[in-house]
Amino acid sequence: NFFQRKRYNLEETLGRFVDDIIHLRGINKLIQRIEEAIANTLYSQGIKTFIYNPNKKPENSFLIWLGENDKIAHGDFLDLDPAYAAIKDEAKKYFAQTQSTICLPLVLGDNLLGVINLGKKANLKSYTAIDFHFLTMLKNQSVIAISNSLVYEDIEGQVRARTAELVEAQKQLVQAAKLATMGTLAGGV
């Protein structure tokens, strides 16, 4: 009954999270909300989110592996799980550099949009299977939201650039009209 209650609470938290991210504008607010949801639910410390340029492949072989496998990586299982054999040393360096325990890749299609790194839990307990299920569901929703946010910001930037071009063109047209009027006036004189 205790485990069912915990699973229900995590599902309820995930439902509220999805409702919240629908209304968020901007990648920074979205990342902040994702990190808050993880911290408040799993009591994770040292949560760091990195967003990558979707048009550029990462150079780190562990990040390339994460993008290709779209698998949550647990630093404690690097020596035990044969799936990590090819990138074990690079993965250990990455976990040491980021001071993280869990690495949650944000993959859309073939592109690694980003990575959420989680440190140890504040209560020093281990991450459980229920926690991993919650993180998987949160990851899926976060990928969609981050992708949409990046597209929105890209379109917004294009609109700003085009508006600036149109304002400049309008200024040039006004200047040309003034010169035409002065030419007509000078011709009349």
Protein backbone atom coordinates (compact mmCIF):
# COMPACT_ATOMS: atom_id res chain seq x y z
CA ASN A 1 0.00 0.00 0.00
CA PHE A 2 2.91 2.35 0.80
CA PHE A 3 4.45 1.84 -2.66
CA GLN A 4 1.09 2.36 -4.35
CA ARG A 5 0.70 5.65 -2.44
CA LYS A 6 4.16 6.80 -3.56
CA ARG A 7 3.42 5.90 -7.18
CA TYR A 8 0.09 7.76 -6.98
CA ASN A 9 1.84 10.85 -5.54
CA LEU A 10 4.44 10.78 -8.32
CA GLU A 11 1.74 10.48 -10.98
CA GLU A 12 -0.18 13.36 -9.40
CA THR A 13 2.99 15.47 -9.36
CA LEU A 14 3.63 14.62 -13.00
CA GLY A 15 0.08 15.65 -13.90
CA ARG A 16 0.55 19.04 -12.21
CA PHE A 17 3.93 19.41 -13.92
CA VAL A 18 2.39 18.83 -17.36
CA ASP A 19 -0.34 21.38 -16.62
CA ASP A 20 2.28 23.93 -15.54
CA ILE A 21 4.61 23.58 -18.52
CA ILE A 22 1.80 24.11 -21.00
CA HIS A 23 1.58 27.74 -19.92
CA LEU A 24 5.30 28.53 -19.66
CA ARG A 25 7.00 30.76 -22.22
CA GLY A 26 10.75 30.78 -22.57
CA ILE A 27 13.34 28.09 -22.17
CA ASN A 28 14.75 29.45 -18.89
CA LYS A 29 11.41 29.32 -17.07
CA LEU A 30 10.78 25.86 -18.45
CA ILE A 31 14.13 24.52 -17.25
CA GLN A 32 13.60 26.11 -13.85
CA ARG A 33 10.20 24.37 -13.55
CA ILE A 34 11.66 21.01 -14.60
CA GLU A 35 14.44 21.28 -12.00
CA GLU A 36 11.93 22.32 -9.30
CA ALA A 37 9.70 19.33 -10.08
CA ILE A 38 12.62 16.92 -9.72
CA ALA A 39 13.99 18.57 -6.58
CA ASN A 40 10.62 18.77 -4.84
CA THR A 41 9.60 15.23 -5.73
CA LEU A 42 12.77 13.15 -5.52
CA TYR A 43 14.79 15.45 -3.22
CA SER A 44 17.67 15.44 -5.68
CA GLN A 45 20.52 17.85 -5.10
CA GLY A 46 22.82 19.54 -7.58
CA ILE A 47 20.41 19.46 -10.51
CA LYS A 48 22.03 20.95 -13.61
CA THR A 49 20.41 21.18 -17.02
CA PHE A 50 22.41 21.69 -20.20
CA ILE A 51 20.71 22.54 -23.50
CA TYR A 52 22.68 21.87 -26.69
CA ASN A 53 22.44 23.30 -30.16
CA PRO A 54 20.25 20.78 -32.04
CA ASN A 55 22.08 21.52 -35.30
CA LYS A 56 25.49 20.61 -33.86
CA LYS A 57 26.50 17.16 -32.69
CA PRO A 58 28.26 17.02 -29.29
CA GLU A 59 31.95 16.09 -29.31
CA ASN A 60 31.94 14.07 -26.08
CA SER A 61 31.59 10.35 -26.88
CA PHE A 62 29.40 9.77 -23.79
CA LEU A 63 26.97 12.50 -24.94
CA ILE A 64 26.93 10.98 -28.43
CA TRP A 65 26.14 7.61 -26.85
CA LEU A 66 23.32 9.18 -24.79
CA GLY A 67 21.85 10.73 -27.93
CA GLU A 68 21.96 7.43 -29.79
CA ASN A 69 20.63 5.28 -26.95
CA ASP A 70 18.20 7.70 -25.26
CA LYS A 71 18.74 5.87 -21.98
CA ILE A 72 18.88 7.22 -18.43
CA ALA A 73 22.42 6.64 -17.20
CA HIS A 74 23.17 5.87 -13.56
CA GLY A 75 26.74 6.53 -12.45
CA ASP A 76 26.69 3.70 -9.92
CA PHE A 77 25.96 1.12 -12.63
CA LEU A 78 28.79 2.03 -15.02
CA ASP A 79 30.98 -0.88 -13.91
CA LEU A 80 28.09 -3.36 -13.65
CA ASP A 81 26.06 -2.80 -16.82
CA PRO A 82 27.65 -4.18 -20.03
CA ALA A 83 25.74 -1.59 -22.07
CA TYR A 84 28.25 1.02 -20.83
CA ALA A 85 31.35 -1.04 -21.73
CA ALA A 86 32.30 0.99 -24.82
CA ILE A 87 31.98 4.40 -23.13
CA LYS A 88 32.61 3.55 -19.47
CA ASP A 89 35.75 5.71 -19.04
CA GLU A 90 34.23 8.74 -20.80
CA ALA A 91 31.05 8.32 -18.76
CA LYS A 92 33.01 8.21 -15.49
CA LYS A 93 34.79 11.44 -16.46
CA TYR A 94 31.46 13.07 -17.30
CA PHE A 95 29.86 12.05 -14.00
CA ALA A 96 32.92 13.29 -12.09
CA GLN A 97 33.00 16.63 -13.95
CA THR A 98 29.29 17.29 -13.45
CA GLN A 99 29.27 15.83 -9.92
CA SER A 100 26.15 13.89 -10.79
CA THR A 101 24.70 10.46 -10.10
CA ILE A 102 21.97 10.30 -12.74
CA CYS A 103 22.16 11.59 -16.31
CA LEU A 104 18.81 12.14 -18.02
CA PRO A 105 19.20 12.67 -21.79
CA LEU A 106 16.66 14.84 -23.59
CA VAL A 107 16.50 13.28 -27.05
CA LEU A 108 14.11 14.16 -29.87
CA GLY A 109 14.48 11.99 -32.95
CA ASP A 110 18.22 11.71 -33.48
CA ASN A 111 19.07 15.00 -31.77
CA LEU A 112 20.32 15.39 -28.23
CA LEU A 113 18.53 18.56 -27.10
CA GLY A 114 20.08 18.52 -23.65
CA VAL A 115 20.92 16.64 -20.50
CA ILE A 116 19.60 16.90 -16.96
CA ASN A 117 22.17 15.85 -14.37
CA LEU A 118 21.01 14.86 -10.91
CA GLY A 119 23.17 14.60 -7.83
CA LYS A 120 22.54 12.41 -4.83
CA LYS A 121 19.29 12.66 -2.92
CA ALA A 122 19.18 15.00 0.06
CA ASN A 123 17.94 12.13 2.25
CA LEU A 124 20.89 9.99 1.01
CA LYS A 125 18.57 7.21 -0.17
CA SER A 126 19.15 5.48 -3.50
CA TYR A 127 17.06 6.12 -6.57
CA THR A 128 14.37 3.43 -6.89
CA ALA A 129 12.61 1.87 -9.86
CA ILE A 130 9.61 4.10 -9.13
CA ASP A 131 11.90 7.14 -9.26
CA PHE A 132 13.24 6.01 -12.64
CA HIS A 133 9.70 5.55 -13.94
CA PHE A 134 8.86 9.09 -12.80
CA LEU A 135 12.03 10.45 -14.41
CA THR A 136 11.24 8.68 -17.68
CA MET A 137 7.74 10.17 -17.80
CA LEU A 138 9.05 13.62 -16.84
CA LYS A 139 11.80 13.32 -19.47
CA ASN A 140 9.29 12.55 -22.23
CA GLN A 141 7.13 15.56 -21.36
CA SER A 142 10.18 17.79 -20.95
CA VAL A 143 11.58 16.89 -24.37
CA ILE A 144 8.35 17.95 -26.05
CA ALA A 145 8.16 21.18 -24.07
CA ILE A 146 11.82 22.10 -24.65
CA SER A 147 11.57 21.33 -28.35
CA ASN A 148 8.48 23.51 -28.66
CA SER A 149 10.13 26.28 -26.66
CA LEU A 150 13.24 26.23 -28.86
CA VAL A 151 11.12 26.37 -32.01
CA TYR A 152 9.05 29.20 -30.52
CA GLU A 153 12.17 31.21 -29.64
CA ASP A 154 13.62 30.59 -33.12
CA ILE A 155 10.44 31.81 -34.80
CA GLU A 156 10.25 34.77 -32.43
CA GLY A 157 13.85 35.71 -33.36
CA GLN A 158 13.05 35.47 -37.06
CA VAL A 159 10.00 37.71 -36.57
CA ARG A 160 12.11 40.29 -34.71
CA ALA A 161 14.75 40.26 -37.46
CA ARG A 162 12.14 40.61 -40.21
CA THR A 163 10.39 43.43 -38.32
CA ALA A 164 13.70 45.28 -38.03
CA GLU A 165 14.24 44.86 -41.79
CA LEU A 166 10.75 46.22 -42.51
CA VAL A 167 11.27 49.23 -40.21
CA GLU A 168 14.55 50.01 -42.02
CA ALA A 169 12.85 49.66 -45.42
CA GLN A 170 10.07 51.98 -44.25
CA LYS A 171 12.62 54.59 -43.15
CA GLN A 172 14.29 54.39 -46.56
CA LEU A 173 10.92 54.82 -48.32
CA VAL A 174 10.10 57.89 -46.21
CA GLN A 175 13.53 59.36 -47.03
CA ALA A 176 13.01 58.64 -50.76
CA ALA A 177 9.57 60.29 -50.63
CA LYS A 178 11.08 63.39 -49.01
CA LEU A 179 13.77 63.57 -51.68
CA ALA A 180 11.14 63.15 -54.43
CA THR A 181 9.04 65.95 -52.94
CA MET A 182 12.10 68.23 -52.72
CA GLY A 183 12.94 67.41 -56.36
CA THR A 184 9.41 68.27 -57.48
CA LEU A 185 9.47 71.48 -55.44
CA ALA A 186 12.87 72.47 -56.88
CA GLY A 187 11.65 71.69 -60.42
CA GLY A 188 8.61 73.93 -59.87
CA VAL A 189 10.74 76.78 -58.61
